[in-house]
Amino acid sequence: MGHLLTATERASVQIALAEAFVDSAVDYAYIAERIRGYDLKVVEDILYSEVAPVCFSNLETPVPPIWTGFKDEWLLDEIAKEVAARENSWLRRNVDLLKVTWLRYSYGYIWKEIMKFIN
């Protein structure tokens, strides 16, 4: 059982993982460095259940906006809204379970790429 992340650690992990969804070449080694030392099971869950639902549409956009990354405050705010909506609604929780399953499947390569730099 890994230790629970503090709010600050969790935010730092979320911001690092969001880098996997930028339009430019992703620096997986940098992301791996930022998450090193945390419980990887927890980090993987954060990737697919918190970060990906907010960020994946950036990769799905046919003509992505020109930008270098997610604004940290915006990102953390959007994740907080997602999590709160899930906690407040049985339906939303169940819909999101399906969405997260799809995200794990569709974006499984992201975690595999990060893991290449962990060991």
N, C-alpha and C. Protein backbone atom coordinates (compact mmCIF):
# COMPACT_ATOMS: atom_id res chain seq x y z
N MET A 1 0.85 -1.20 0.00
CA MET A 1 0.00 0.00 0.00
C MET A 1 0.88 1.24 0.00
N GLY A 2 0.81 2.05 -1.02
CA GLY A 2 1.65 3.24 -1.09
C GLY A 2 1.09 4.35 -0.22
N HIS A 3 1.95 5.29 0.13
CA HIS A 3 1.47 6.41 0.95
C HIS A 3 0.58 7.31 0.11
N LEU A 4 -0.36 7.95 0.76
CA LEU A 4 -1.23 8.89 0.06
C LEU A 4 -0.44 10.16 -0.25
N LEU A 5 -0.73 10.74 -1.37
CA LEU A 5 -0.04 11.96 -1.75
C LEU A 5 -0.67 13.15 -1.04
N THR A 6 0.16 14.11 -0.67
CA THR A 6 -0.38 15.36 -0.15
C THR A 6 -1.00 16.10 -1.34
N ALA A 7 -1.79 17.12 -1.05
CA ALA A 7 -2.42 17.90 -2.12
C ALA A 7 -1.36 18.50 -3.05
N THR A 8 -0.26 18.95 -2.47
CA THR A 8 0.81 19.56 -3.25
C THR A 8 1.50 18.54 -4.15
N GLU A 9 1.77 17.36 -3.59
CA GLU A 9 2.40 16.30 -4.38
C GLU A 9 1.48 15.87 -5.52
N ARG A 10 0.20 15.73 -5.19
CA ARG A 10 -0.78 15.31 -6.20
C ARG A 10 -0.84 16.34 -7.34
N ALA A 11 -0.87 17.61 -6.99
CA ALA A 11 -0.91 18.68 -8.01
C ALA A 11 0.34 18.61 -8.88
N SER A 12 1.48 18.39 -8.25
CA SER A 12 2.74 18.31 -8.98
C SER A 12 2.73 17.13 -9.95
N VAL A 13 2.19 16.01 -9.52
CA VAL A 13 2.08 14.81 -10.37
C VAL A 13 1.11 15.08 -11.53
N GLN A 14 -0.02 15.71 -11.23
CA GLN A 14 -1.01 16.01 -12.27
C GLN A 14 -0.41 16.93 -13.34
N ILE A 15 0.32 17.94 -12.90
CA ILE A 15 0.93 18.89 -13.83
C ILE A 15 1.99 18.18 -14.70
N ALA A 16 2.77 17.31 -14.07
CA ALA A 16 3.79 16.57 -14.82
C ALA A 16 3.14 15.66 -15.86
N LEU A 17 2.10 14.95 -15.46
CA LEU A 17 1.44 14.00 -16.38
C LEU A 17 0.74 14.70 -17.53
N ALA A 18 0.26 15.91 -17.29
CA ALA A 18 -0.43 16.65 -18.34
C ALA A 18 0.51 16.92 -19.52
N GLU A 19 1.81 16.92 -19.26
CA GLU A 19 2.79 17.13 -20.33
C GLU A 19 2.67 16.08 -21.43
N ALA A 20 2.13 14.92 -21.09
CA ALA A 20 1.98 13.85 -22.08
C ALA A 20 0.92 14.20 -23.13
N PHE A 21 0.13 15.24 -22.86
CA PHE A 21 -0.97 15.60 -23.76
C PHE A 21 -0.71 16.87 -24.56
N VAL A 22 0.54 17.35 -24.54
CA VAL A 22 0.83 18.55 -25.33
C VAL A 22 0.98 18.16 -26.80
N ASP A 23 0.88 19.15 -27.66
CA ASP A 23 0.91 18.88 -29.10
C ASP A 23 2.30 18.57 -29.61
N SER A 24 3.29 19.13 -28.93
CA SER A 24 4.66 18.96 -29.40
C SER A 24 5.20 17.59 -28.98
N ALA A 25 6.45 17.33 -29.31
CA ALA A 25 7.07 16.07 -28.91
C ALA A 25 7.06 15.99 -27.38
N VAL A 26 6.61 14.86 -26.87
CA VAL A 26 6.50 14.69 -25.43
C VAL A 26 7.83 14.21 -24.86
N ASP A 27 8.24 14.85 -23.78
CA ASP A 27 9.48 14.46 -23.11
C ASP A 27 9.14 13.49 -21.97
N TYR A 28 9.05 12.21 -22.33
CA TYR A 28 8.66 11.20 -21.34
C TYR A 28 9.70 11.06 -20.23
N ALA A 29 10.95 11.27 -20.56
CA ALA A 29 12.01 11.16 -19.55
C ALA A 29 11.80 12.22 -18.46
N TYR A 30 11.41 13.42 -18.89
CA TYR A 30 11.15 14.50 -17.95
C TYR A 30 9.96 14.15 -17.04
N ILE A 31 8.90 13.62 -17.64
CA ILE A 31 7.72 13.22 -16.86
C ILE A 31 8.12 12.15 -15.85
N ALA A 32 8.89 11.16 -16.31
CA ALA A 32 9.33 10.07 -15.42
C ALA A 32 10.12 10.62 -14.24
N GLU A 33 10.96 11.59 -14.53
CA GLU A 33 11.77 12.20 -13.47
C GLU A 33 10.88 12.88 -12.43
N ARG A 34 9.83 13.54 -12.91
CA ARG A 34 8.92 14.27 -12.01
C ARG A 34 8.08 13.34 -11.13
N ILE A 35 7.80 12.11 -11.60
CA ILE A 35 6.95 11.21 -10.81
C ILE A 35 7.75 10.17 -10.03
N ARG A 36 9.05 10.16 -10.25
CA ARG A 36 9.90 9.18 -9.57
C ARG A 36 9.73 9.29 -8.05
N GLY A 37 9.65 8.14 -7.39
CA GLY A 37 9.55 8.16 -5.94
C GLY A 37 8.12 8.10 -5.42
N TYR A 38 7.16 8.33 -6.31
CA TYR A 38 5.76 8.19 -5.90
C TYR A 38 5.29 6.78 -6.17
N ASP A 39 4.21 6.38 -5.51
CA ASP A 39 3.60 5.08 -5.74
C ASP A 39 3.08 5.06 -7.19
N LEU A 40 3.68 4.20 -8.01
CA LEU A 40 3.36 4.21 -9.45
C LEU A 40 1.92 3.81 -9.75
N LYS A 41 1.35 2.96 -8.91
CA LYS A 41 -0.05 2.57 -9.10
C LYS A 41 -0.94 3.80 -8.93
N VAL A 42 -0.63 4.59 -7.90
CA VAL A 42 -1.39 5.82 -7.64
C VAL A 42 -1.21 6.80 -8.80
N VAL A 43 0.04 6.93 -9.26
CA VAL A 43 0.34 7.86 -10.35
C VAL A 43 -0.38 7.44 -11.64
N GLU A 44 -0.39 6.15 -11.92
CA GLU A 44 -1.09 5.67 -13.12
C GLU A 44 -2.58 5.96 -13.03
N ASP A 45 -3.15 5.78 -11.84
CA ASP A 45 -4.57 6.11 -11.66
C ASP A 45 -4.83 7.59 -11.86
N ILE A 46 -3.93 8.43 -11.37
CA ILE A 46 -4.07 9.88 -11.56
C ILE A 46 -4.03 10.21 -13.05
N LEU A 47 -3.13 9.54 -13.78
CA LEU A 47 -3.01 9.78 -15.22
C LEU A 47 -4.34 9.52 -15.92
N TYR A 48 -4.92 8.35 -15.68
CA TYR A 48 -6.10 7.96 -16.45
C TYR A 48 -7.43 8.41 -15.86
N SER A 49 -7.50 8.64 -14.55
CA SER A 49 -8.80 9.01 -14.01
C SER A 49 -8.92 10.50 -13.71
N GLU A 50 -7.78 11.21 -13.67
CA GLU A 50 -7.86 12.65 -13.37
C GLU A 50 -7.31 13.52 -14.50
N VAL A 51 -6.12 13.19 -14.99
CA VAL A 51 -5.48 14.05 -15.99
C VAL A 51 -6.04 13.80 -17.40
N ALA A 52 -6.07 12.54 -17.81
CA ALA A 52 -6.53 12.23 -19.17
C ALA A 52 -7.94 12.73 -19.47
N PRO A 53 -8.92 12.57 -18.55
CA PRO A 53 -10.27 13.04 -18.89
C PRO A 53 -10.31 14.54 -19.21
N VAL A 54 -9.42 15.31 -18.59
CA VAL A 54 -9.40 16.75 -18.81
C VAL A 54 -8.56 17.10 -20.05
N CYS A 55 -7.51 16.34 -20.29
CA CYS A 55 -6.52 16.73 -21.31
C CYS A 55 -6.63 16.00 -22.65
N PHE A 56 -7.28 14.84 -22.68
CA PHE A 56 -7.20 14.03 -23.90
C PHE A 56 -7.76 14.73 -25.12
N SER A 57 -8.76 15.60 -24.93
CA SER A 57 -9.37 16.25 -26.09
C SER A 57 -8.36 17.10 -26.85
N ASN A 58 -7.30 17.50 -26.16
CA ASN A 58 -6.25 18.25 -26.85
C ASN A 58 -5.61 17.40 -27.95
N LEU A 59 -5.45 16.10 -27.71
CA LEU A 59 -4.85 15.22 -28.71
C LEU A 59 -5.86 14.83 -29.78
N GLU A 60 -7.14 14.94 -29.45
CA GLU A 60 -8.19 14.53 -30.39
C GLU A 60 -8.56 15.66 -31.35
N THR A 61 -8.15 16.87 -31.04
CA THR A 61 -8.51 18.02 -31.86
C THR A 61 -7.79 17.94 -33.20
N PRO A 62 -8.53 17.98 -34.31
CA PRO A 62 -7.87 17.86 -35.62
C PRO A 62 -6.88 18.99 -35.85
N VAL A 63 -7.25 20.21 -35.49
CA VAL A 63 -6.31 21.32 -35.62
C VAL A 63 -6.07 21.87 -34.23
N PRO A 64 -5.04 21.33 -33.56
CA PRO A 64 -4.84 21.75 -32.17
C PRO A 64 -4.42 23.20 -32.07
N PRO A 65 -4.82 23.84 -30.99
CA PRO A 65 -4.36 25.21 -30.78
C PRO A 65 -2.85 25.21 -30.61
N ILE A 66 -2.22 26.28 -30.99
CA ILE A 66 -0.77 26.37 -30.83
C ILE A 66 -0.49 26.74 -29.38
N TRP A 67 0.09 25.84 -28.65
CA TRP A 67 0.43 26.13 -27.27
C TRP A 67 1.49 25.18 -26.82
N THR A 68 2.07 25.42 -25.68
CA THR A 68 3.17 24.58 -25.24
C THR A 68 2.76 23.70 -24.08
N GLY A 69 1.63 23.98 -23.48
CA GLY A 69 1.23 23.15 -22.36
C GLY A 69 -0.02 23.68 -21.72
N PHE A 70 -0.43 23.01 -20.68
CA PHE A 70 -1.63 23.42 -19.96
C PHE A 70 -1.23 24.43 -18.90
N LYS A 71 -2.01 25.46 -18.75
CA LYS A 71 -1.79 26.40 -17.65
C LYS A 71 -2.11 25.65 -16.36
N ASP A 72 -1.17 25.66 -15.44
CA ASP A 72 -1.31 24.85 -14.24
C ASP A 72 -2.60 25.09 -13.48
N GLU A 73 -2.95 26.37 -13.27
CA GLU A 73 -4.16 26.68 -12.49
C GLU A 73 -5.39 26.15 -13.21
N TRP A 74 -5.45 26.35 -14.53
CA TRP A 74 -6.58 25.87 -15.30
C TRP A 74 -6.69 24.36 -15.17
N LEU A 75 -5.57 23.68 -15.34
CA LEU A 75 -5.55 22.23 -15.27
C LEU A 75 -6.06 21.72 -13.92
N LEU A 76 -5.50 22.25 -12.84
CA LEU A 76 -5.88 21.79 -11.50
C LEU A 76 -7.34 22.08 -11.21
N ASP A 77 -7.80 23.23 -11.70
CA ASP A 77 -9.19 23.62 -11.52
C ASP A 77 -10.13 22.66 -12.26
N GLU A 78 -9.78 22.33 -13.51
CA GLU A 78 -10.60 21.42 -14.32
C GLU A 78 -10.65 20.03 -13.70
N ILE A 79 -9.49 19.56 -13.21
CA ILE A 79 -9.44 18.24 -12.57
C ILE A 79 -10.33 18.24 -11.32
N ALA A 80 -10.23 19.30 -10.53
CA ALA A 80 -11.05 19.39 -9.31
C ALA A 80 -12.53 19.34 -9.65
N LYS A 81 -12.92 20.03 -10.74
CA LYS A 81 -14.33 20.02 -11.17
C LYS A 81 -14.78 18.62 -11.58
N GLU A 82 -13.92 17.92 -12.33
CA GLU A 82 -14.23 16.55 -12.77
C GLU A 82 -14.45 15.64 -11.56
N VAL A 83 -13.51 15.70 -10.63
CA VAL A 83 -13.57 14.83 -9.46
C VAL A 83 -14.80 15.14 -8.61
N ALA A 84 -15.10 16.42 -8.45
CA ALA A 84 -16.27 16.83 -7.66
C ALA A 84 -17.56 16.35 -8.34
N ALA A 85 -17.64 16.50 -9.65
CA ALA A 85 -18.84 16.08 -10.39
C ALA A 85 -19.05 14.58 -10.21
N ARG A 86 -17.97 13.85 -10.23
CA ARG A 86 -18.02 12.40 -10.06
C ARG A 86 -18.52 12.04 -8.66
N GLU A 87 -18.00 12.74 -7.65
CA GLU A 87 -18.37 12.45 -6.27
C GLU A 87 -19.83 12.77 -6.02
N ASN A 88 -20.36 13.74 -6.74
CA ASN A 88 -21.73 14.20 -6.49
C ASN A 88 -22.79 13.48 -7.30
N SER A 89 -22.38 12.61 -8.22
CA SER A 89 -23.38 12.00 -9.09
C SER A 89 -23.06 10.54 -9.38
N TRP A 90 -24.01 9.68 -9.02
CA TRP A 90 -23.86 8.25 -9.29
C TRP A 90 -23.72 8.02 -10.79
N LEU A 91 -24.55 8.69 -11.56
CA LEU A 91 -24.52 8.52 -13.02
C LEU A 91 -23.18 8.95 -13.58
N ARG A 92 -22.72 10.11 -13.16
CA ARG A 92 -21.45 10.63 -13.63
C ARG A 92 -20.30 9.67 -13.29
N ARG A 93 -20.34 9.13 -12.07
CA ARG A 93 -19.30 8.17 -11.66
C ARG A 93 -19.25 6.99 -12.62
N ASN A 94 -20.43 6.49 -12.96
CA ASN A 94 -20.48 5.31 -13.83
C ASN A 94 -20.11 5.61 -15.27
N VAL A 95 -20.54 6.75 -15.76
CA VAL A 95 -20.16 7.19 -17.10
C VAL A 95 -18.64 7.38 -17.15
N ASP A 96 -18.11 8.00 -16.10
CA ASP A 96 -16.67 8.24 -16.06
C ASP A 96 -15.86 6.95 -15.96
N LEU A 97 -16.41 5.94 -15.29
CA LEU A 97 -15.72 4.65 -15.24
C LEU A 97 -15.50 4.12 -16.66
N LEU A 98 -16.53 4.24 -17.48
CA LEU A 98 -16.41 3.80 -18.88
C LEU A 98 -15.40 4.67 -19.62
N LYS A 99 -15.46 5.96 -19.38
CA LYS A 99 -14.55 6.88 -20.05
C LYS A 99 -13.10 6.56 -19.67
N VAL A 100 -12.86 6.33 -18.38
CA VAL A 100 -11.51 6.04 -17.90
C VAL A 100 -11.01 4.71 -18.49
N THR A 101 -11.89 3.73 -18.59
CA THR A 101 -11.52 2.45 -19.21
C THR A 101 -11.09 2.69 -20.66
N TRP A 102 -11.86 3.51 -21.37
CA TRP A 102 -11.53 3.84 -22.76
C TRP A 102 -10.20 4.60 -22.84
N LEU A 103 -10.00 5.54 -21.92
CA LEU A 103 -8.76 6.33 -21.92
C LEU A 103 -7.55 5.43 -21.66
N ARG A 104 -7.69 4.49 -20.71
CA ARG A 104 -6.58 3.56 -20.42
C ARG A 104 -6.23 2.76 -21.67
N TYR A 105 -7.27 2.37 -22.40
CA TYR A 105 -7.06 1.59 -23.62
C TYR A 105 -6.45 2.45 -24.72
N SER A 106 -7.05 3.60 -24.97
CA SER A 106 -6.61 4.46 -26.07
C SER A 106 -5.26 5.10 -25.83
N TYR A 107 -4.97 5.41 -24.57
CA TYR A 107 -3.73 6.12 -24.26
C TYR A 107 -2.80 5.28 -23.40
N GLY A 108 -2.94 3.98 -23.50
CA GLY A 108 -2.08 3.07 -22.75
C GLY A 108 -0.61 3.30 -23.07
N TYR A 109 -0.35 3.73 -24.30
CA TYR A 109 1.05 3.95 -24.72
C TYR A 109 1.73 5.01 -23.87
N ILE A 110 0.98 5.96 -23.36
CA ILE A 110 1.59 7.05 -22.57
C ILE A 110 2.27 6.47 -21.34
N TRP A 111 1.56 5.61 -20.62
CA TRP A 111 2.14 5.03 -19.41
C TRP A 111 3.34 4.14 -19.77
N LYS A 112 3.22 3.38 -20.87
CA LYS A 112 4.34 2.52 -21.30
C LYS A 112 5.57 3.36 -21.61
N GLU A 113 5.37 4.50 -22.27
CA GLU A 113 6.51 5.37 -22.60
C GLU A 113 7.16 5.93 -21.33
N ILE A 114 6.32 6.35 -20.38
CA ILE A 114 6.87 6.89 -19.13
C ILE A 114 7.66 5.80 -18.40
N MET A 115 7.11 4.58 -18.37
CA MET A 115 7.75 3.47 -17.65
C MET A 115 9.12 3.12 -18.20
N LYS A 116 9.35 3.38 -19.49
CA LYS A 116 10.65 3.10 -20.09
C LYS A 116 11.76 3.86 -19.38
N PHE A 117 11.40 5.00 -18.77
CA PHE A 117 12.41 5.83 -18.13
C PHE A 117 12.43 5.67 -16.60
N ILE A 118 11.55 4.82 -16.08
CA ILE A 118 11.49 4.66 -14.64
C ILE A 118 12.54 3.67 -14.14
N ASN A 119 12.74 2.59 -14.87
CA ASN A 119 13.65 1.55 -14.36
C ASN A 119 15.10 1.80 -14.72
